[in-house]
C-alpha cells in the first residue's frame, strides 16, 4: 500500500473518476460519447474506442490530481498504455491521480431483493497483477432493490469478506452496495444497509481501512456515522442514474461524502468535439463535481 497515496486519499480534496465501464455497458457509454454501434464491429474495436475515450480524458489538461483524487479503471484499461506508460503508472506519475481497479465479474441473478456479486475464482491472481502495475485500491459492486434484511445482510457480508481478501493483498477495497434509486423502499433499504455496514466496520481495524461507495441517501447526511468511522478511509457517492445536476445538488448536501461518478462525468463529452471543446467541457464538468465534493 502506497503511503503517499493513502495520505492523499484521506486528506486530499476532490473526487474519484469512475472510468470502469465494463463490456456490457461499453456500447451505451460509446453511444453517449457520439460513437454509434454501426461505427465498429466486434469487441476488439469497441474496447479500442472506449480506451481512446478514456485516454483522451486522462491526458486532458483538465484531468489532474488537483481536483481528481482517484480514477477507477476497468481491467482492460489497466492492461493498456496511456501516452506510452501503463495506465495506472501514468495516472500517478504524470497526474498525481490515485489508480483503482474494478475487480468484480458482474452481478448474480436477483434473490431476496438483491444481486450479490458473481464468484471471483481468479481474484488473487488479479490482485497480484494489480499490485505489480501500481494500483492502490479496488472497486466491486452489488445491487440492493428491496428492503429485504436477509438479502441486504448477504450483500454486506460478501462485500466485506472479499474486501478483507483485497486488504490482505495490500490494496484498499471500495465496498459498493448500491441501492437502486428506483427502489420503492429506498429509504428502508438505507436504514438496513447502514446498520449492516456499521456491524462489519466495528470488526475492522482502523489500520486496515476500507472505502465505501454508496447511493446518495434519501435523508441528507444519513451516512455521517460511516464518514466519521475510524475504519473508513473515505465515503464516496455514485450518481446511480441521477443527472449530473441532481447528483451534484444531492452530494453537496451530504457533508464528508465525495463523488465517484461515471456517466455523470462523461455527460456532454463527444468524440466529434475538437480537443479545445472537449477539454473545456471536461474542465467545466470536473469543476462542478469538485465543488459538490468539497462543499
Protein backbone atom coordinates (compact mmCIF):
# COMPACT_ATOMS: atom_id res chain seq x y z
CA UNK A 1 0.00 0.00 0.00
CA UNK A 2 1.45 3.34 -1.09
CA UNK A 3 1.56 5.57 2.00
CA UNK A 4 1.72 8.81 -0.02
CA UNK A 5 -1.45 7.76 -1.86
CA UNK A 6 -3.13 6.73 1.40
CA UNK A 7 -2.50 10.17 2.91
CA UNK A 8 -3.70 11.92 -0.25
CA UNK A 9 -6.92 9.86 -0.30
CA UNK A 10 -7.56 10.55 3.39
CA UNK A 11 -6.70 14.26 3.47
CA UNK A 12 -6.93 15.43 -0.15
CA UNK A 13 -9.75 17.41 -1.74
CA UNK A 14 -11.50 16.21 -4.87
CA UNK A 15 -13.43 13.24 -6.22
CA UNK A 16 -12.95 9.87 -7.90
CA UNK A 17 -13.50 9.48 -11.63
CA UNK A 18 -15.14 6.14 -12.46
CA UNK A 19 -13.68 5.14 -15.85
CA UNK A 20 -14.61 1.48 -15.43
CA UNK A 21 -17.46 0.74 -17.83
CA UNK A 22 -17.28 -3.00 -18.47
CA UNK A 23 -18.11 -4.92 -21.64
CA UNK A 24 -21.86 -4.85 -21.01
CA UNK A 25 -22.11 -1.08 -20.51
CA UNK A 26 -19.49 -0.04 -23.10
CA UNK A 27 -21.83 0.24 -26.16
CA UNK A 28 -24.09 2.59 -24.19
CA UNK A 29 -21.09 4.64 -22.98
CA UNK A 30 -19.79 4.93 -26.56
CA UNK A 31 -23.24 5.92 -27.88
CA UNK A 32 -23.44 8.72 -25.30
CA UNK A 33 -19.95 9.76 -26.47
CA UNK A 34 -21.29 10.03 -30.03
CA UNK A 35 -19.97 6.71 -31.39
CA UNK A 36 -22.75 4.57 -32.89
CA UNK A 37 -22.61 0.76 -32.88
CA UNK A 38 -22.51 0.89 -36.71
CA UNK A 39 -19.08 2.58 -36.46
CA UNK A 40 -17.28 -0.50 -35.10
CA UNK A 41 -17.51 -4.28 -35.30
CA UNK A 42 -16.58 -6.75 -32.59
CA UNK A 43 -15.33 -6.39 -29.04
CA UNK A 44 -11.75 -5.58 -30.00
CA UNK A 45 -12.70 -2.44 -31.95
CA UNK A 46 -15.21 -1.49 -29.26
CA UNK A 47 -12.58 -1.69 -26.50
CA UNK A 48 -10.07 0.23 -28.64
CA UNK A 49 -12.61 3.05 -29.00
CA UNK A 50 -13.51 3.20 -25.30
CA UNK A 51 -9.79 3.23 -24.46
CA UNK A 52 -9.34 6.18 -26.83
CA UNK A 53 -12.12 7.98 -24.93
CA UNK A 54 -10.60 7.20 -21.53
CA UNK A 55 -7.10 8.16 -22.73
CA UNK A 56 -8.47 11.44 -24.06
CA UNK A 57 -9.95 12.16 -20.64
CA UNK A 58 -6.82 11.12 -18.70
CA UNK A 59 -4.44 13.11 -20.90
CA UNK A 60 -6.64 16.23 -20.88
CA UNK A 61 -5.07 19.22 -19.08
CA UNK A 62 -8.31 19.41 -17.05
CA UNK A 63 -7.73 15.96 -15.56
CA UNK A 64 -5.18 16.32 -12.73
CA UNK A 65 -4.77 15.38 -9.09
CA UNK A 66 -5.66 18.92 -8.02
CA UNK A 67 -9.37 18.11 -8.40
CA UNK A 68 -9.45 14.39 -9.30
CA UNK A 69 -8.24 12.35 -6.31
CA UNK A 70 -8.52 8.96 -7.96
CA UNK A 71 -9.70 7.06 -11.04
CA UNK A 72 -11.28 3.60 -11.23
CA UNK A 73 -10.09 1.54 -14.19
CA UNK A 74 -11.57 -1.47 -15.97
CA UNK A 75 -9.17 -4.46 -16.11
CA UNK A 76 -8.66 -3.95 -19.85
CA UNK A 77 -7.68 -0.32 -19.22
CA UNK A 78 -5.15 -1.32 -16.55
CA UNK A 79 -3.51 -3.64 -19.10
CA UNK A 80 -3.20 -0.90 -21.74
CA UNK A 81 -0.95 2.13 -22.04
CA UNK A 82 -1.62 5.86 -21.96
CA UNK A 83 0.99 8.10 -23.60
CA UNK A 84 3.45 5.21 -23.62
CA UNK A 85 3.09 4.28 -19.91
CA UNK A 86 0.95 1.69 -18.14
CA UNK A 87 -2.42 3.33 -17.37
CA UNK A 88 -2.07 3.16 -13.58
CA UNK A 89 1.54 4.32 -13.68
CA UNK A 90 0.57 7.24 -15.96
CA UNK A 91 -2.24 8.35 -13.62
CA UNK A 92 0.03 8.60 -10.59
CA UNK A 93 3.38 9.59 -12.12
CA UNK A 94 2.05 12.20 -14.55
CA UNK A 95 -1.22 13.34 -12.99
CA UNK A 96 -0.98 12.54 -9.24
CA UNK A 97 -4.31 10.69 -9.58
CA UNK A 98 -4.64 7.54 -7.44
CA UNK A 99 -5.43 4.43 -9.54
CA UNK A 100 -8.13 1.91 -8.59
CA UNK A 101 -9.27 -1.26 -10.39
CA UNK A 102 -12.78 -2.67 -10.82
CA UNK A 103 -12.43 -6.34 -9.79
CA UNK A 104 -15.96 -7.80 -9.73
CA UNK A 105 -17.19 -10.09 -12.52
CA UNK A 106 -20.72 -8.71 -12.57
CA UNK A 107 -23.91 -9.48 -10.69
CA UNK A 108 -25.63 -12.76 -9.87
CA UNK A 109 -29.37 -13.12 -10.54
CA UNK A 110 -31.69 -11.34 -8.13
CA UNK A 111 -32.50 -13.25 -4.93
CA UNK A 112 -34.05 -11.88 -1.71
CA UNK A 113 -34.40 -8.47 -3.39
CA UNK A 114 -30.67 -8.09 -4.07
CA UNK A 115 -27.96 -9.04 -6.53
CA UNK A 116 -24.75 -10.24 -4.91
CA UNK A 117 -21.53 -10.46 -6.91
CA UNK A 118 -20.74 -13.42 -9.11
CA UNK A 119 -17.89 -15.65 -7.82
CA UNK A 120 -14.34 -14.38 -8.43
CA UNK A 121 -12.19 -17.53 -8.52
CA UNK A 122 -9.21 -15.73 -10.10
CA UNK A 123 -9.25 -12.75 -7.73
CA UNK A 124 -5.90 -13.43 -6.02
CA UNK A 125 -4.09 -13.56 -9.38
CA UNK A 126 -5.80 -10.33 -10.50
CA UNK A 127 -4.85 -8.58 -7.23
CA UNK A 128 -1.21 -9.65 -7.63
CA UNK A 129 -1.18 -8.18 -11.16
CA UNK A 130 -2.80 -5.00 -9.88
CA UNK A 131 -0.11 -4.56 -7.21
CA UNK A 132 2.59 -5.06 -9.87
CA UNK A 133 1.02 -2.40 -12.06
CA UNK A 134 0.85 0.21 -9.28
CA UNK A 135 -2.86 0.01 -8.42
CA UNK A 136 -3.77 1.44 -4.96
CA UNK A 137 -7.25 0.03 -4.43
CA UNK A 138 -10.17 -1.86 -5.94
CA UNK A 139 -13.90 -1.46 -6.51
CA UNK A 140 -16.68 -4.06 -6.56
CA UNK A 141 -20.43 -3.57 -6.91
CA UNK A 142 -23.56 -5.30 -5.63
CA UNK A 143 -27.14 -4.00 -6.02
CA UNK A 144 -29.97 -3.72 -3.49
CA UNK A 145 -33.51 -3.41 -4.88
CA UNK A 146 -35.80 -4.24 -1.96
CA UNK A 147 -35.73 -3.70 1.81
CA UNK A 148 -35.16 -7.42 2.47
CA UNK A 149 -32.94 -7.68 5.54
CA UNK A 150 -31.63 -11.16 4.68
CA UNK A 151 -30.63 -10.03 1.20
CA UNK A 152 -29.01 -6.80 2.35
CA UNK A 153 -27.02 -8.54 5.10
CA UNK A 154 -25.86 -11.11 2.50
CA UNK A 155 -24.65 -8.29 0.22
CA UNK A 156 -22.71 -6.57 3.01
CA UNK A 157 -21.23 -9.84 4.34
CA UNK A 158 -19.98 -10.80 0.87
CA UNK A 159 -18.57 -7.32 0.23
CA UNK A 160 -16.59 -7.30 3.48
CA UNK A 161 -15.41 -10.90 3.09
CA UNK A 162 -13.96 -10.11 -0.34
CA UNK A 163 -12.80 -6.72 0.96
CA UNK A 164 -10.64 -8.44 3.58
CA UNK A 165 -9.13 -10.67 0.88
CA UNK A 166 -8.24 -7.48 -1.01
CA UNK A 167 -6.74 -5.85 2.10
CA UNK A 168 -4.63 -8.98 2.62
CA UNK A 169 -3.17 -8.43 -0.87
CA UNK A 170 -2.08 -4.91 0.17
CA UNK A 171 -4.84 -2.96 -1.61
CA UNK A 172 -7.67 -0.75 -0.30
CA UNK A 173 -11.16 -2.02 -1.24
CA UNK A 174 -14.01 0.26 -2.25
CA UNK A 175 -17.07 -1.60 -0.97
CA UNK A 176 -20.07 -0.71 -3.15
CA UNK A 177 -23.52 -1.96 -2.10
CA UNK A 178 -25.57 0.22 -4.46
CA UNK A 179 -29.19 0.91 -3.55
CA UNK A 180 -31.25 1.17 -6.75
CA UNK A 181 -32.54 4.77 -6.96
CA UNK A 182 -35.82 3.41 -8.40
CA UNK A 183 -36.47 1.11 -5.41
CA UNK A 184 -39.89 1.79 -3.88
CA UNK A 185 -38.36 1.09 -0.45
CA UNK A 186 -35.08 3.03 -0.95
CA UNK A 187 -35.21 4.78 2.45
CA UNK A 188 -35.92 1.48 4.28
CA UNK A 189 -33.08 -0.20 2.34
CA UNK A 190 -30.71 2.53 3.54
CA UNK A 191 -31.64 2.01 7.21
CA UNK A 192 -30.94 -1.74 7.00
CA UNK A 193 -27.78 -1.17 4.93
CA UNK A 194 -26.25 1.35 7.33
CA UNK A 195 -26.81 -0.95 10.33
CA UNK A 196 -25.24 -3.92 8.49
CA UNK A 197 -22.21 -1.85 7.39
CA UNK A 198 -21.66 -0.47 10.91
CA UNK A 199 -21.69 -4.01 12.31
CA UNK A 200 -18.93 -5.03 9.87
CA UNK A 201 -16.94 -1.82 10.40
CA UNK A 202 -16.88 -2.38 14.16
CA UNK A 203 -14.93 -5.62 13.46
CA UNK A 204 -12.49 -3.76 11.18
CA UNK A 205 -9.14 -2.46 12.43
CA UNK A 206 -8.58 1.28 11.70
CA UNK A 207 -5.09 0.46 10.40
CA UNK A 208 -6.75 -1.63 7.64
CA UNK A 209 -9.34 0.90 6.45
CA UNK A 210 -11.90 0.36 3.73
CA UNK A 211 -13.67 2.82 1.45
CA UNK A 212 -17.42 2.84 0.87
CA UNK A 213 -19.25 3.73 -2.35
CA UNK A 214 -22.92 4.40 -1.64
CA UNK A 215 -26.01 5.68 -3.42
CA UNK A 216 -26.83 9.26 -2.38
CA UNK A 217 -29.27 8.81 0.53
CA UNK A 218 -32.88 9.99 0.80
CA UNK A 219 -32.08 11.82 4.04
CA UNK A 220 -29.17 14.29 3.87
CA UNK A 221 -26.13 13.26 5.97
CA UNK A 222 -27.74 9.88 6.71
CA UNK A 223 -24.31 8.23 6.39
CA UNK A 224 -22.48 10.65 8.69
CA UNK A 225 -21.58 7.82 11.15
CA UNK A 226 -19.91 5.96 8.29
CA UNK A 227 -18.00 9.09 7.20
CA UNK A 228 -16.71 9.51 10.77
CA UNK A 229 -15.91 5.82 11.42
CA UNK A 230 -12.20 5.20 12.17
CA UNK A 231 -12.13 2.13 9.89
CA UNK A 232 -13.34 4.16 6.87
CA UNK A 233 -10.80 5.95 4.67
CA UNK A 234 -13.43 7.74 2.54
CA UNK A 235 -17.12 7.56 1.67
CA UNK A 236 -17.79 8.18 -2.00
CA UNK A 237 -21.12 8.57 -3.77
CA UNK A 238 -22.28 7.02 -7.03
CA UNK A 239 -24.53 9.00 -9.37
CA UNK A 240 -26.74 5.95 -9.79
CA UNK A 241 -28.77 7.25 -12.72
CA UNK A 242 -29.38 10.77 -11.39
CA UNK A 243 -28.48 13.53 -13.85
CA UNK A 244 -25.19 15.28 -13.09
CA UNK A 245 -27.10 18.36 -11.90
CA UNK A 246 -29.26 16.33 -9.48
CA UNK A 247 -26.33 14.19 -8.30
CA UNK A 248 -24.18 17.27 -7.60
CA UNK A 249 -27.04 19.00 -5.74
CA UNK A 250 -27.64 15.94 -3.54
CA UNK A 251 -23.91 15.41 -2.99
CA UNK A 252 -23.33 19.00 -1.88
CA UNK A 253 -25.86 18.46 0.95
CA UNK A 254 -24.04 15.36 2.27
CA UNK A 255 -21.02 16.53 4.26
CA UNK A 256 -17.88 14.41 4.01
CA UNK A 257 -19.06 12.38 1.00
CA UNK A 258 -17.25 12.89 -2.31
CA UNK A 259 -18.29 11.94 -5.84
CA UNK A 260 -17.34 8.79 -7.70
CA UNK A 261 -19.28 9.44 -10.87
CA UNK A 262 -19.14 7.54 -14.17
CA UNK A 263 -21.92 8.52 -16.56
CA UNK A 264 -22.37 11.91 -14.84
CA UNK A 265 -18.66 12.62 -15.50
CA UNK A 266 -18.81 11.86 -19.24
CA UNK A 267 -22.18 13.61 -19.81
CA UNK A 268 -21.74 16.14 -22.62
CA UNK A 269 -18.41 14.78 -23.93
CA UNK A 270 -18.34 13.75 -27.59
CA UNK A 271 -15.93 12.06 -29.98
CA UNK A 272 -16.94 14.73 -32.51
CA UNK A 273 -15.69 17.64 -30.33
CA UNK A 274 -12.38 19.33 -31.09
CA UNK A 275 -9.74 18.96 -28.37
CA UNK A 276 -10.43 22.54 -27.27
CA UNK A 277 -14.19 21.86 -26.98
CA UNK A 278 -13.63 18.51 -25.28
CA UNK A 279 -11.16 19.93 -22.74
CA UNK A 280 -13.42 22.91 -21.97
CA UNK A 281 -16.43 20.63 -21.40
CA UNK A 282 -14.41 18.23 -19.22
CA UNK A 283 -12.92 21.14 -17.25
CA UNK A 284 -16.38 22.58 -16.51
CA UNK A 285 -17.73 19.14 -15.52
CA UNK A 286 -14.76 18.40 -13.25
CA UNK A 287 -15.15 21.80 -11.58
CA UNK A 288 -18.87 21.21 -10.90
CA UNK A 289 -18.27 17.76 -9.41
CA UNK A 290 -15.24 19.03 -7.44
CA UNK A 291 -17.26 21.86 -5.90
CA UNK A 292 -20.09 19.47 -4.92
CA UNK A 293 -17.49 17.12 -3.37
CA UNK A 294 -15.81 19.76 -1.19
CA UNK A 295 -18.96 21.59 -0.04
